Amino acid sequence: MTELRFDKRVAVITGAGRGLGAAYARLLASRGASVVVNDPGVSMAGDGSDVAPAQQVVDEIRASGGEAVANTDSIATPEGGQAVIDTALNRYGRVDILVHNAGIVRRALLHEMSYQDFESVLDVHLRGGFHVVRAAFPHMCEARYGRIVLTGSINGLYGNRGVVNYSAAKAGLVGLSNVAAIEGEEFGIKSNVILPGAVTRMAEGLDTSKYPPMDPELVAPAVAWMAHESCSITGEMLISIAGRIARAFAAETRGVHRSSWTLEQVAEQMDAIRAADKPVIFSPVPSGHVDHLRYSFSMASKS
C-alpha cells in the first residue's frame, strides 16, 4: 500500500506536549506535516504553566528532520483558541488539520462536584473545542478543505463515576463534531471523533497493572487516518483502545407508534419500545436529523 503522507499540510494539535497529543504530533510530522504543537504545560488539574512540554516535542520533531512550532496559549478562552490557529496561519499560511486533544481532569462525585471544577473542565474540553474549531473553520471553508478530529471518550458515551464534568464535556464534543461535519460537507471539510484509551498521566491514581499494552502510539494511526485527505468518513466516532479500533454510533429501536398514549399504555409497551432486535441508525451526514424526522413521521402517517 502506498504510504499515506501529509506533505504541505499544516496540522494544529492541542494538548500535544505529552501523551496522546505528542504521539499524534510526532506521527504527522514524520509523514511530512508541519505541526503546531499547542500545550500550555498545565498540571492534570489545569493549574500552572510550563513552556517545556510543547518545546520538547518541537525539538524532537525538528531533530528527526520534521517541521514544528510550539504554542503555549490556553484554548480555554476564545482569545487563546484564536491565538493557536493564528500561530499556524502566521507561520505556515494555512491550517488543514485540527486535532483537539487538550484536556484536564478534576474528579468528584456528582453530589460533591463544585461548580468551579465543573466549569473548568468544560472550559478546556468542550468550550476549548469550540474555540479552536470556530477559529479554524472559516479558513478551512475558504480553502475548501479541512480535517477536524475531536477527542471524545467512552465516558461521554457511557458515563463514569467521579467525572460528571469530563463525561458531559466529552458528550458535547460529539455534537460539535457532527455540526462541523454537516456544515463542512459542502466545503470539503470532514469532522470526526476519536474515543481513545491510553495509559498517560490522565490515568494517575488508577490501577493499570493488569492493563494490556496501551501506549499512545497505538492510538495515533487512527487519528492520523482521520486527519488524512483519504479519510472516507465524516460525522463518525472511532474507538481506539489497547490495539482495538472500532466504530461507535448512536442507534434507535424501531419503536412503537400509537395515535394517542396513556401512562399505562407506555408501561405496557415498554418491552416493545425498547426491543433492539432491529436497530435503526441515522448517520449525521448528510441528513441524519431529517432522516430521523421522516422515519418517525412515516410511522404516524401509516396509522
Protein backbone atom coordinates (compact mmCIF):
# COMPACT_ATOMS: atom_id res chain seq x y z
CA MET A 1 0.00 0.00 0.00
CA THR A 2 1.21 3.50 -0.83
CA GLU A 3 2.47 5.38 2.22
CA LEU A 4 -0.04 7.94 3.42
CA ARG A 5 1.68 11.29 3.83
CA PHE A 6 0.90 14.85 4.87
CA ASP A 7 3.38 16.80 2.75
CA LYS A 8 2.45 20.51 2.52
CA ARG A 9 -0.31 20.03 5.11
CA VAL A 10 -0.42 22.09 8.30
CA ALA A 11 -1.74 20.47 11.46
CA VAL A 12 -2.73 22.11 14.74
CA ILE A 13 -2.79 19.74 17.71
CA THR A 14 -3.93 20.92 21.13
CA GLY A 15 -2.55 19.29 24.24
CA ALA A 16 0.37 17.99 22.21
CA GLY A 17 3.13 18.40 24.77
CA ARG A 18 2.62 14.99 26.34
CA GLY A 19 0.85 11.66 25.96
CA LEU A 20 -1.60 11.19 23.12
CA GLY A 21 -1.17 14.64 21.62
CA ALA A 22 2.59 14.26 21.45
CA ALA A 23 2.19 10.88 19.73
CA TYR A 24 -0.12 12.46 17.15
CA ALA A 25 2.30 15.33 16.56
CA ARG A 26 5.29 13.04 16.08
CA LEU A 27 3.44 10.75 13.66
CA LEU A 28 2.01 13.52 11.49
CA ALA A 29 5.35 15.32 11.39
CA SER A 30 7.14 12.10 10.43
CA ARG A 31 4.80 11.87 7.45
CA GLY A 32 5.53 15.39 6.25
CA ALA A 33 3.07 17.65 8.08
CA SER A 34 4.07 20.97 9.57
CA VAL A 35 2.74 20.86 13.12
CA VAL A 36 1.68 23.49 15.63
CA VAL A 37 2.33 21.83 18.99
CA ASN A 38 -0.04 23.54 21.41
CA ASP A 39 0.33 22.95 25.13
CA PRO A 40 0.36 25.49 27.97
CA GLY A 41 2.08 22.95 30.20
CA VAL A 42 -0.52 22.88 32.95
CA SER A 43 -0.95 20.22 35.60
CA MET A 44 -3.54 17.49 35.08
CA ALA A 45 -5.95 19.64 37.09
CA GLY A 46 -5.26 22.62 34.83
CA ASP A 47 -3.02 24.61 37.17
CA GLY A 48 0.29 26.33 36.47
CA SER A 49 2.12 26.66 33.17
CA ASP A 50 5.31 25.39 31.60
CA VAL A 51 6.68 26.06 28.13
CA ALA A 52 8.93 22.97 28.26
CA PRO A 53 6.50 20.19 27.18
CA ALA A 54 5.48 21.83 23.90
CA GLN A 55 9.03 22.91 23.09
CA GLN A 56 10.42 19.47 23.85
CA VAL A 57 8.08 17.84 21.32
CA VAL A 58 9.01 20.51 18.76
CA ASP A 59 12.70 19.85 19.39
CA GLU A 60 12.17 16.10 18.92
CA ILE A 61 10.34 16.65 15.64
CA ARG A 62 12.99 19.01 14.32
CA ALA A 63 15.79 16.67 15.38
CA SER A 64 14.13 13.98 13.27
CA GLY A 65 14.01 16.26 10.24
CA GLY A 66 10.43 17.44 10.65
CA GLU A 67 8.87 20.87 10.93
CA ALA A 68 7.03 22.15 14.00
CA VAL A 69 6.43 25.22 16.11
CA ALA A 70 5.37 25.48 19.76
CA ASN A 71 2.36 27.37 21.04
CA THR A 72 1.51 27.72 24.73
CA ASP A 73 -1.81 29.59 24.62
CA SER A 74 -4.71 28.16 26.61
CA ILE A 75 -7.63 27.14 24.44
CA ALA A 76 -9.95 27.63 27.43
CA THR A 77 -10.70 31.17 26.18
CA PRO A 78 -11.83 32.40 22.76
CA GLU A 79 -8.70 34.57 22.55
CA GLY A 80 -6.47 31.60 23.30
CA GLY A 81 -8.18 29.42 20.72
CA GLN A 82 -7.77 32.12 18.10
CA ALA A 83 -4.12 32.57 19.02
CA VAL A 84 -3.43 28.88 18.46
CA ILE A 85 -4.90 28.98 14.95
CA ASP A 86 -3.16 32.30 14.26
CA THR A 87 0.14 30.59 15.03
CA ALA A 88 -0.48 28.21 12.13
CA LEU A 89 -1.62 30.99 9.81
CA ASN A 90 1.25 33.34 10.65
CA ARG A 91 3.92 30.64 10.48
CA TYR A 92 2.66 28.46 7.63
CA GLY A 93 -0.10 30.46 5.96
CA ARG A 94 -2.81 27.82 6.33
CA VAL A 95 -4.49 25.27 8.56
CA ASP A 96 -5.52 21.96 7.05
CA ILE A 97 -5.87 19.74 10.10
CA LEU A 98 -7.16 20.41 13.59
CA VAL A 99 -6.84 17.79 16.31
CA HIS A 100 -8.35 18.90 19.61
CA ASN A 101 -6.77 16.72 22.28
CA ALA A 102 -6.25 19.09 25.22
CA GLY A 103 -7.92 18.14 28.46
CA ILE A 104 -7.80 18.29 32.23
CA VAL A 105 -9.35 16.17 34.99
CA ARG A 106 -10.95 17.24 38.25
CA ARG A 107 -12.58 14.31 40.00
CA ALA A 108 -15.51 14.38 42.42
CA LEU A 109 -18.80 12.56 42.88
CA LEU A 110 -21.83 14.25 41.35
CA HIS A 111 -23.25 15.46 44.65
CA GLU A 112 -19.85 16.82 45.69
CA MET A 113 -18.69 18.37 42.40
CA SER A 114 -18.05 22.10 42.75
CA TYR A 115 -19.30 24.46 40.07
CA GLN A 116 -15.76 25.70 39.57
CA ASP A 117 -14.45 22.21 38.86
CA PHE A 118 -17.36 21.51 36.52
CA GLU A 119 -16.84 24.73 34.57
CA SER A 120 -13.05 24.45 34.46
CA VAL A 121 -13.19 21.04 32.77
CA LEU A 122 -15.82 22.20 30.29
CA ASP A 123 -13.70 25.28 29.55
CA VAL A 124 -10.84 23.13 28.25
CA HIS A 125 -12.60 20.15 26.69
CA LEU A 126 -15.90 21.45 25.31
CA ARG A 127 -15.57 25.23 25.09
CA GLY A 128 -11.92 24.78 24.12
CA GLY A 129 -13.02 22.56 21.26
CA PHE A 130 -15.44 25.22 20.08
CA HIS A 131 -12.82 27.96 20.40
CA VAL A 132 -10.33 26.26 18.08
CA VAL A 133 -12.93 24.88 15.66
CA ARG A 134 -14.59 28.29 15.40
CA ALA A 135 -11.24 29.94 14.68
CA ALA A 136 -10.12 27.37 12.10
CA PHE A 137 -13.41 26.70 10.33
CA PRO A 138 -13.64 29.87 8.18
CA HIS A 139 -10.13 29.25 6.83
CA MET A 140 -10.97 25.64 6.01
CA CYS A 141 -14.14 26.77 4.26
CA GLU A 142 -12.18 29.30 2.20
CA ALA A 143 -9.63 26.64 1.26
CA ARG A 144 -12.45 24.15 0.62
CA TYR A 145 -10.55 21.55 2.59
CA GLY A 146 -10.19 20.55 6.20
CA ARG A 147 -9.88 17.65 8.60
CA ILE A 148 -11.13 18.01 12.18
CA VAL A 149 -10.60 15.35 14.84
CA LEU A 150 -12.11 16.00 18.27
CA THR A 151 -11.28 13.86 21.28
CA GLY A 152 -14.28 12.26 22.90
CA SER A 153 -14.29 9.42 25.39
CA ILE A 154 -16.22 6.28 26.24
CA ASN A 155 -17.00 8.29 29.39
CA GLY A 156 -19.01 10.58 27.15
CA LEU A 157 -20.97 7.61 25.81
CA TYR A 158 -21.44 5.54 28.93
CA GLY A 159 -20.55 7.86 31.82
CA ASN A 160 -18.28 7.03 34.74
CA ARG A 161 -18.23 7.63 38.45
CA GLY A 162 -16.50 10.74 39.72
CA VAL A 163 -16.14 12.59 36.42
CA VAL A 164 -19.50 14.15 35.58
CA ASN A 165 -17.70 17.24 34.24
CA TYR A 166 -15.47 15.18 31.96
CA SER A 167 -18.30 12.94 30.76
CA ALA A 168 -20.60 15.87 29.99
CA ALA A 169 -17.84 17.70 28.10
CA LYS A 170 -16.94 14.67 26.01
CA ALA A 171 -20.57 14.03 25.12
CA GLY A 172 -20.87 17.64 23.99
CA LEU A 173 -17.91 17.30 21.65
CA VAL A 174 -19.80 14.67 19.67
CA GLY A 175 -22.48 17.25 18.89
CA LEU A 176 -19.84 19.81 17.95
CA SER A 177 -18.17 17.39 15.57
CA ASN A 178 -21.45 16.38 13.96
CA VAL A 179 -22.37 20.00 13.23
CA ALA A 180 -18.91 20.68 11.82
CA ALA A 181 -19.33 17.61 9.61
CA ILE A 182 -22.76 18.71 8.39
CA GLU A 183 -21.86 22.35 7.76
CA GLY A 184 -18.43 21.48 6.41
CA GLU A 185 -19.54 18.89 3.87
CA GLU A 186 -20.01 21.36 1.01
CA PHE A 187 -16.53 22.78 1.68
CA GLY A 188 -14.61 19.51 1.66
CA ILE A 189 -14.29 19.51 5.46
CA LYS A 190 -14.59 16.25 7.36
CA SER A 191 -15.03 16.10 11.11
CA ASN A 192 -14.86 13.01 13.29
CA VAL A 193 -14.34 12.00 16.90
CA ILE A 194 -11.67 9.74 18.38
CA LEU A 195 -12.54 7.85 21.56
CA PRO A 196 -9.05 6.91 22.76
CA GLY A 197 -7.78 4.69 25.52
CA ALA A 198 -4.15 5.00 26.56
CA VAL A 199 -2.11 4.97 29.74
CA THR A 200 -0.97 8.57 30.14
CA ARG A 201 -0.73 10.92 33.11
CA MET A 202 -4.54 11.17 32.99
CA ALA A 203 -4.53 7.63 34.41
CA GLU A 204 -2.58 8.68 37.50
CA GLY A 205 -4.16 7.20 40.61
CA LEU A 206 -5.73 4.30 38.71
CA ASP A 207 -4.51 0.73 38.98
CA THR A 208 -3.30 -0.05 35.46
CA SER A 209 -1.09 -3.00 36.43
CA LYS A 210 -3.38 -5.51 34.70
CA TYR A 211 -4.00 -3.45 31.59
CA PRO A 212 -2.71 -4.73 28.22
CA PRO A 213 -0.26 -2.51 26.32
CA MET A 214 -1.96 0.87 25.92
CA ASP A 215 0.70 3.23 24.67
CA PRO A 216 -0.40 6.47 22.95
CA GLU A 217 1.34 5.27 19.80
CA LEU A 218 -1.36 2.60 19.45
CA VAL A 219 -3.99 5.32 19.06
CA ALA A 220 -2.05 7.67 16.78
CA PRO A 221 -2.59 5.81 13.47
CA ALA A 222 -6.40 6.02 13.78
CA VAL A 223 -6.21 9.75 14.45
CA ALA A 224 -3.74 10.23 11.58
CA TRP A 225 -6.08 8.42 9.19
CA MET A 226 -9.00 10.66 10.18
CA ALA A 227 -6.68 13.63 9.60
CA HIS A 228 -5.60 12.42 6.15
CA GLU A 229 -7.02 13.57 2.83
CA SER A 230 -8.02 9.96 2.05
CA CYS A 231 -10.31 9.79 5.11
CA SER A 232 -13.61 8.41 3.83
CA ILE A 233 -15.84 9.12 6.84
CA THR A 234 -17.33 12.19 8.44
CA GLY A 235 -19.65 12.69 11.38
CA GLU A 236 -18.49 9.41 12.89
CA MET A 237 -16.73 8.15 16.01
CA LEU A 238 -13.82 5.71 16.12
CA ILE A 239 -12.74 3.91 19.28
CA SER A 240 -9.05 3.08 19.69
CA ILE A 241 -8.04 1.25 22.86
CA ALA A 242 -5.42 -1.43 23.57
CA GLY A 243 -4.98 -2.14 19.86
CA ARG A 244 -8.72 -2.39 19.11
CA ILE A 245 -10.21 0.04 16.60
CA ALA A 246 -13.99 0.09 16.24
CA ARG A 247 -16.82 2.36 15.20
CA ALA A 248 -19.20 3.75 17.82
CA PHE A 249 -22.58 5.11 16.79
CA ALA A 250 -26.00 6.10 18.05
CA ALA A 251 -28.88 3.78 17.28
CA GLU A 252 -32.62 3.77 17.92
CA THR A 253 -35.07 0.95 18.34
CA ARG A 254 -37.86 0.76 15.79
CA GLY A 255 -40.22 1.95 18.47
CA VAL A 256 -43.98 1.73 18.81
CA HIS A 257 -46.48 4.18 17.38
CA ARG A 258 -49.95 4.95 18.68
CA SER A 259 -52.20 7.85 17.78
CA SER A 260 -52.58 8.52 21.50
CA TRP A 261 -50.94 7.27 24.66
CA THR A 262 -51.85 6.85 28.29
CA LEU A 263 -49.31 6.42 31.04
CA GLU A 264 -50.46 2.83 31.49
CA GLN A 265 -50.01 2.08 27.78
CA VAL A 266 -46.43 3.34 27.91
CA ALA A 267 -45.80 0.93 30.79
CA GLU A 268 -47.45 -1.96 28.94
CA GLN A 269 -45.50 -1.34 25.73
CA MET A 270 -42.08 -0.71 27.27
CA ASP A 271 -40.61 -4.06 26.23
CA ALA A 272 -41.65 -3.44 22.63
CA ILE A 273 -40.47 0.16 22.77
CA ARG A 274 -37.04 -0.99 23.96
CA ALA A 275 -36.74 -4.04 21.64
CA ALA A 276 -33.36 -3.70 19.91
CA ASP A 277 -33.56 -6.63 17.50
CA LYS A 278 -33.91 -4.30 14.50
CA PRO A 279 -31.95 -1.14 15.33
CA VAL A 280 -32.36 1.98 13.22
CA ILE A 281 -29.22 4.03 12.51
CA PHE A 282 -29.17 7.56 11.14
CA SER A 283 -25.77 8.96 10.13
CA PRO A 284 -25.34 12.67 10.92
CA VAL A 285 -24.11 13.37 7.38
CA PRO A 286 -25.74 14.14 5.10
CA SER A 287 -29.16 14.32 6.73
CA GLY A 288 -29.49 12.24 9.89
CA HIS A 289 -31.68 14.79 11.66
CA VAL A 290 -34.12 14.95 8.75
CA ASP A 291 -34.00 11.19 8.22
CA HIS A 292 -34.99 10.69 11.85
CA LEU A 293 -37.95 13.02 11.43
CA ARG A 294 -39.03 11.34 8.21
CA TYR A 295 -38.86 7.91 9.81
CA SER A 296 -40.88 8.99 12.81
CA PHE A 297 -43.42 10.85 10.68
CA SER A 298 -43.82 7.85 8.36
CA MET A 299 -44.94 5.70 11.29
CA ALA A 300 -47.53 8.30 12.15
CA SER A 301 -48.81 8.51 8.57
CA LYS A 302 -49.36 4.75 8.42
CA SER A 303 -51.62 4.66 11.46
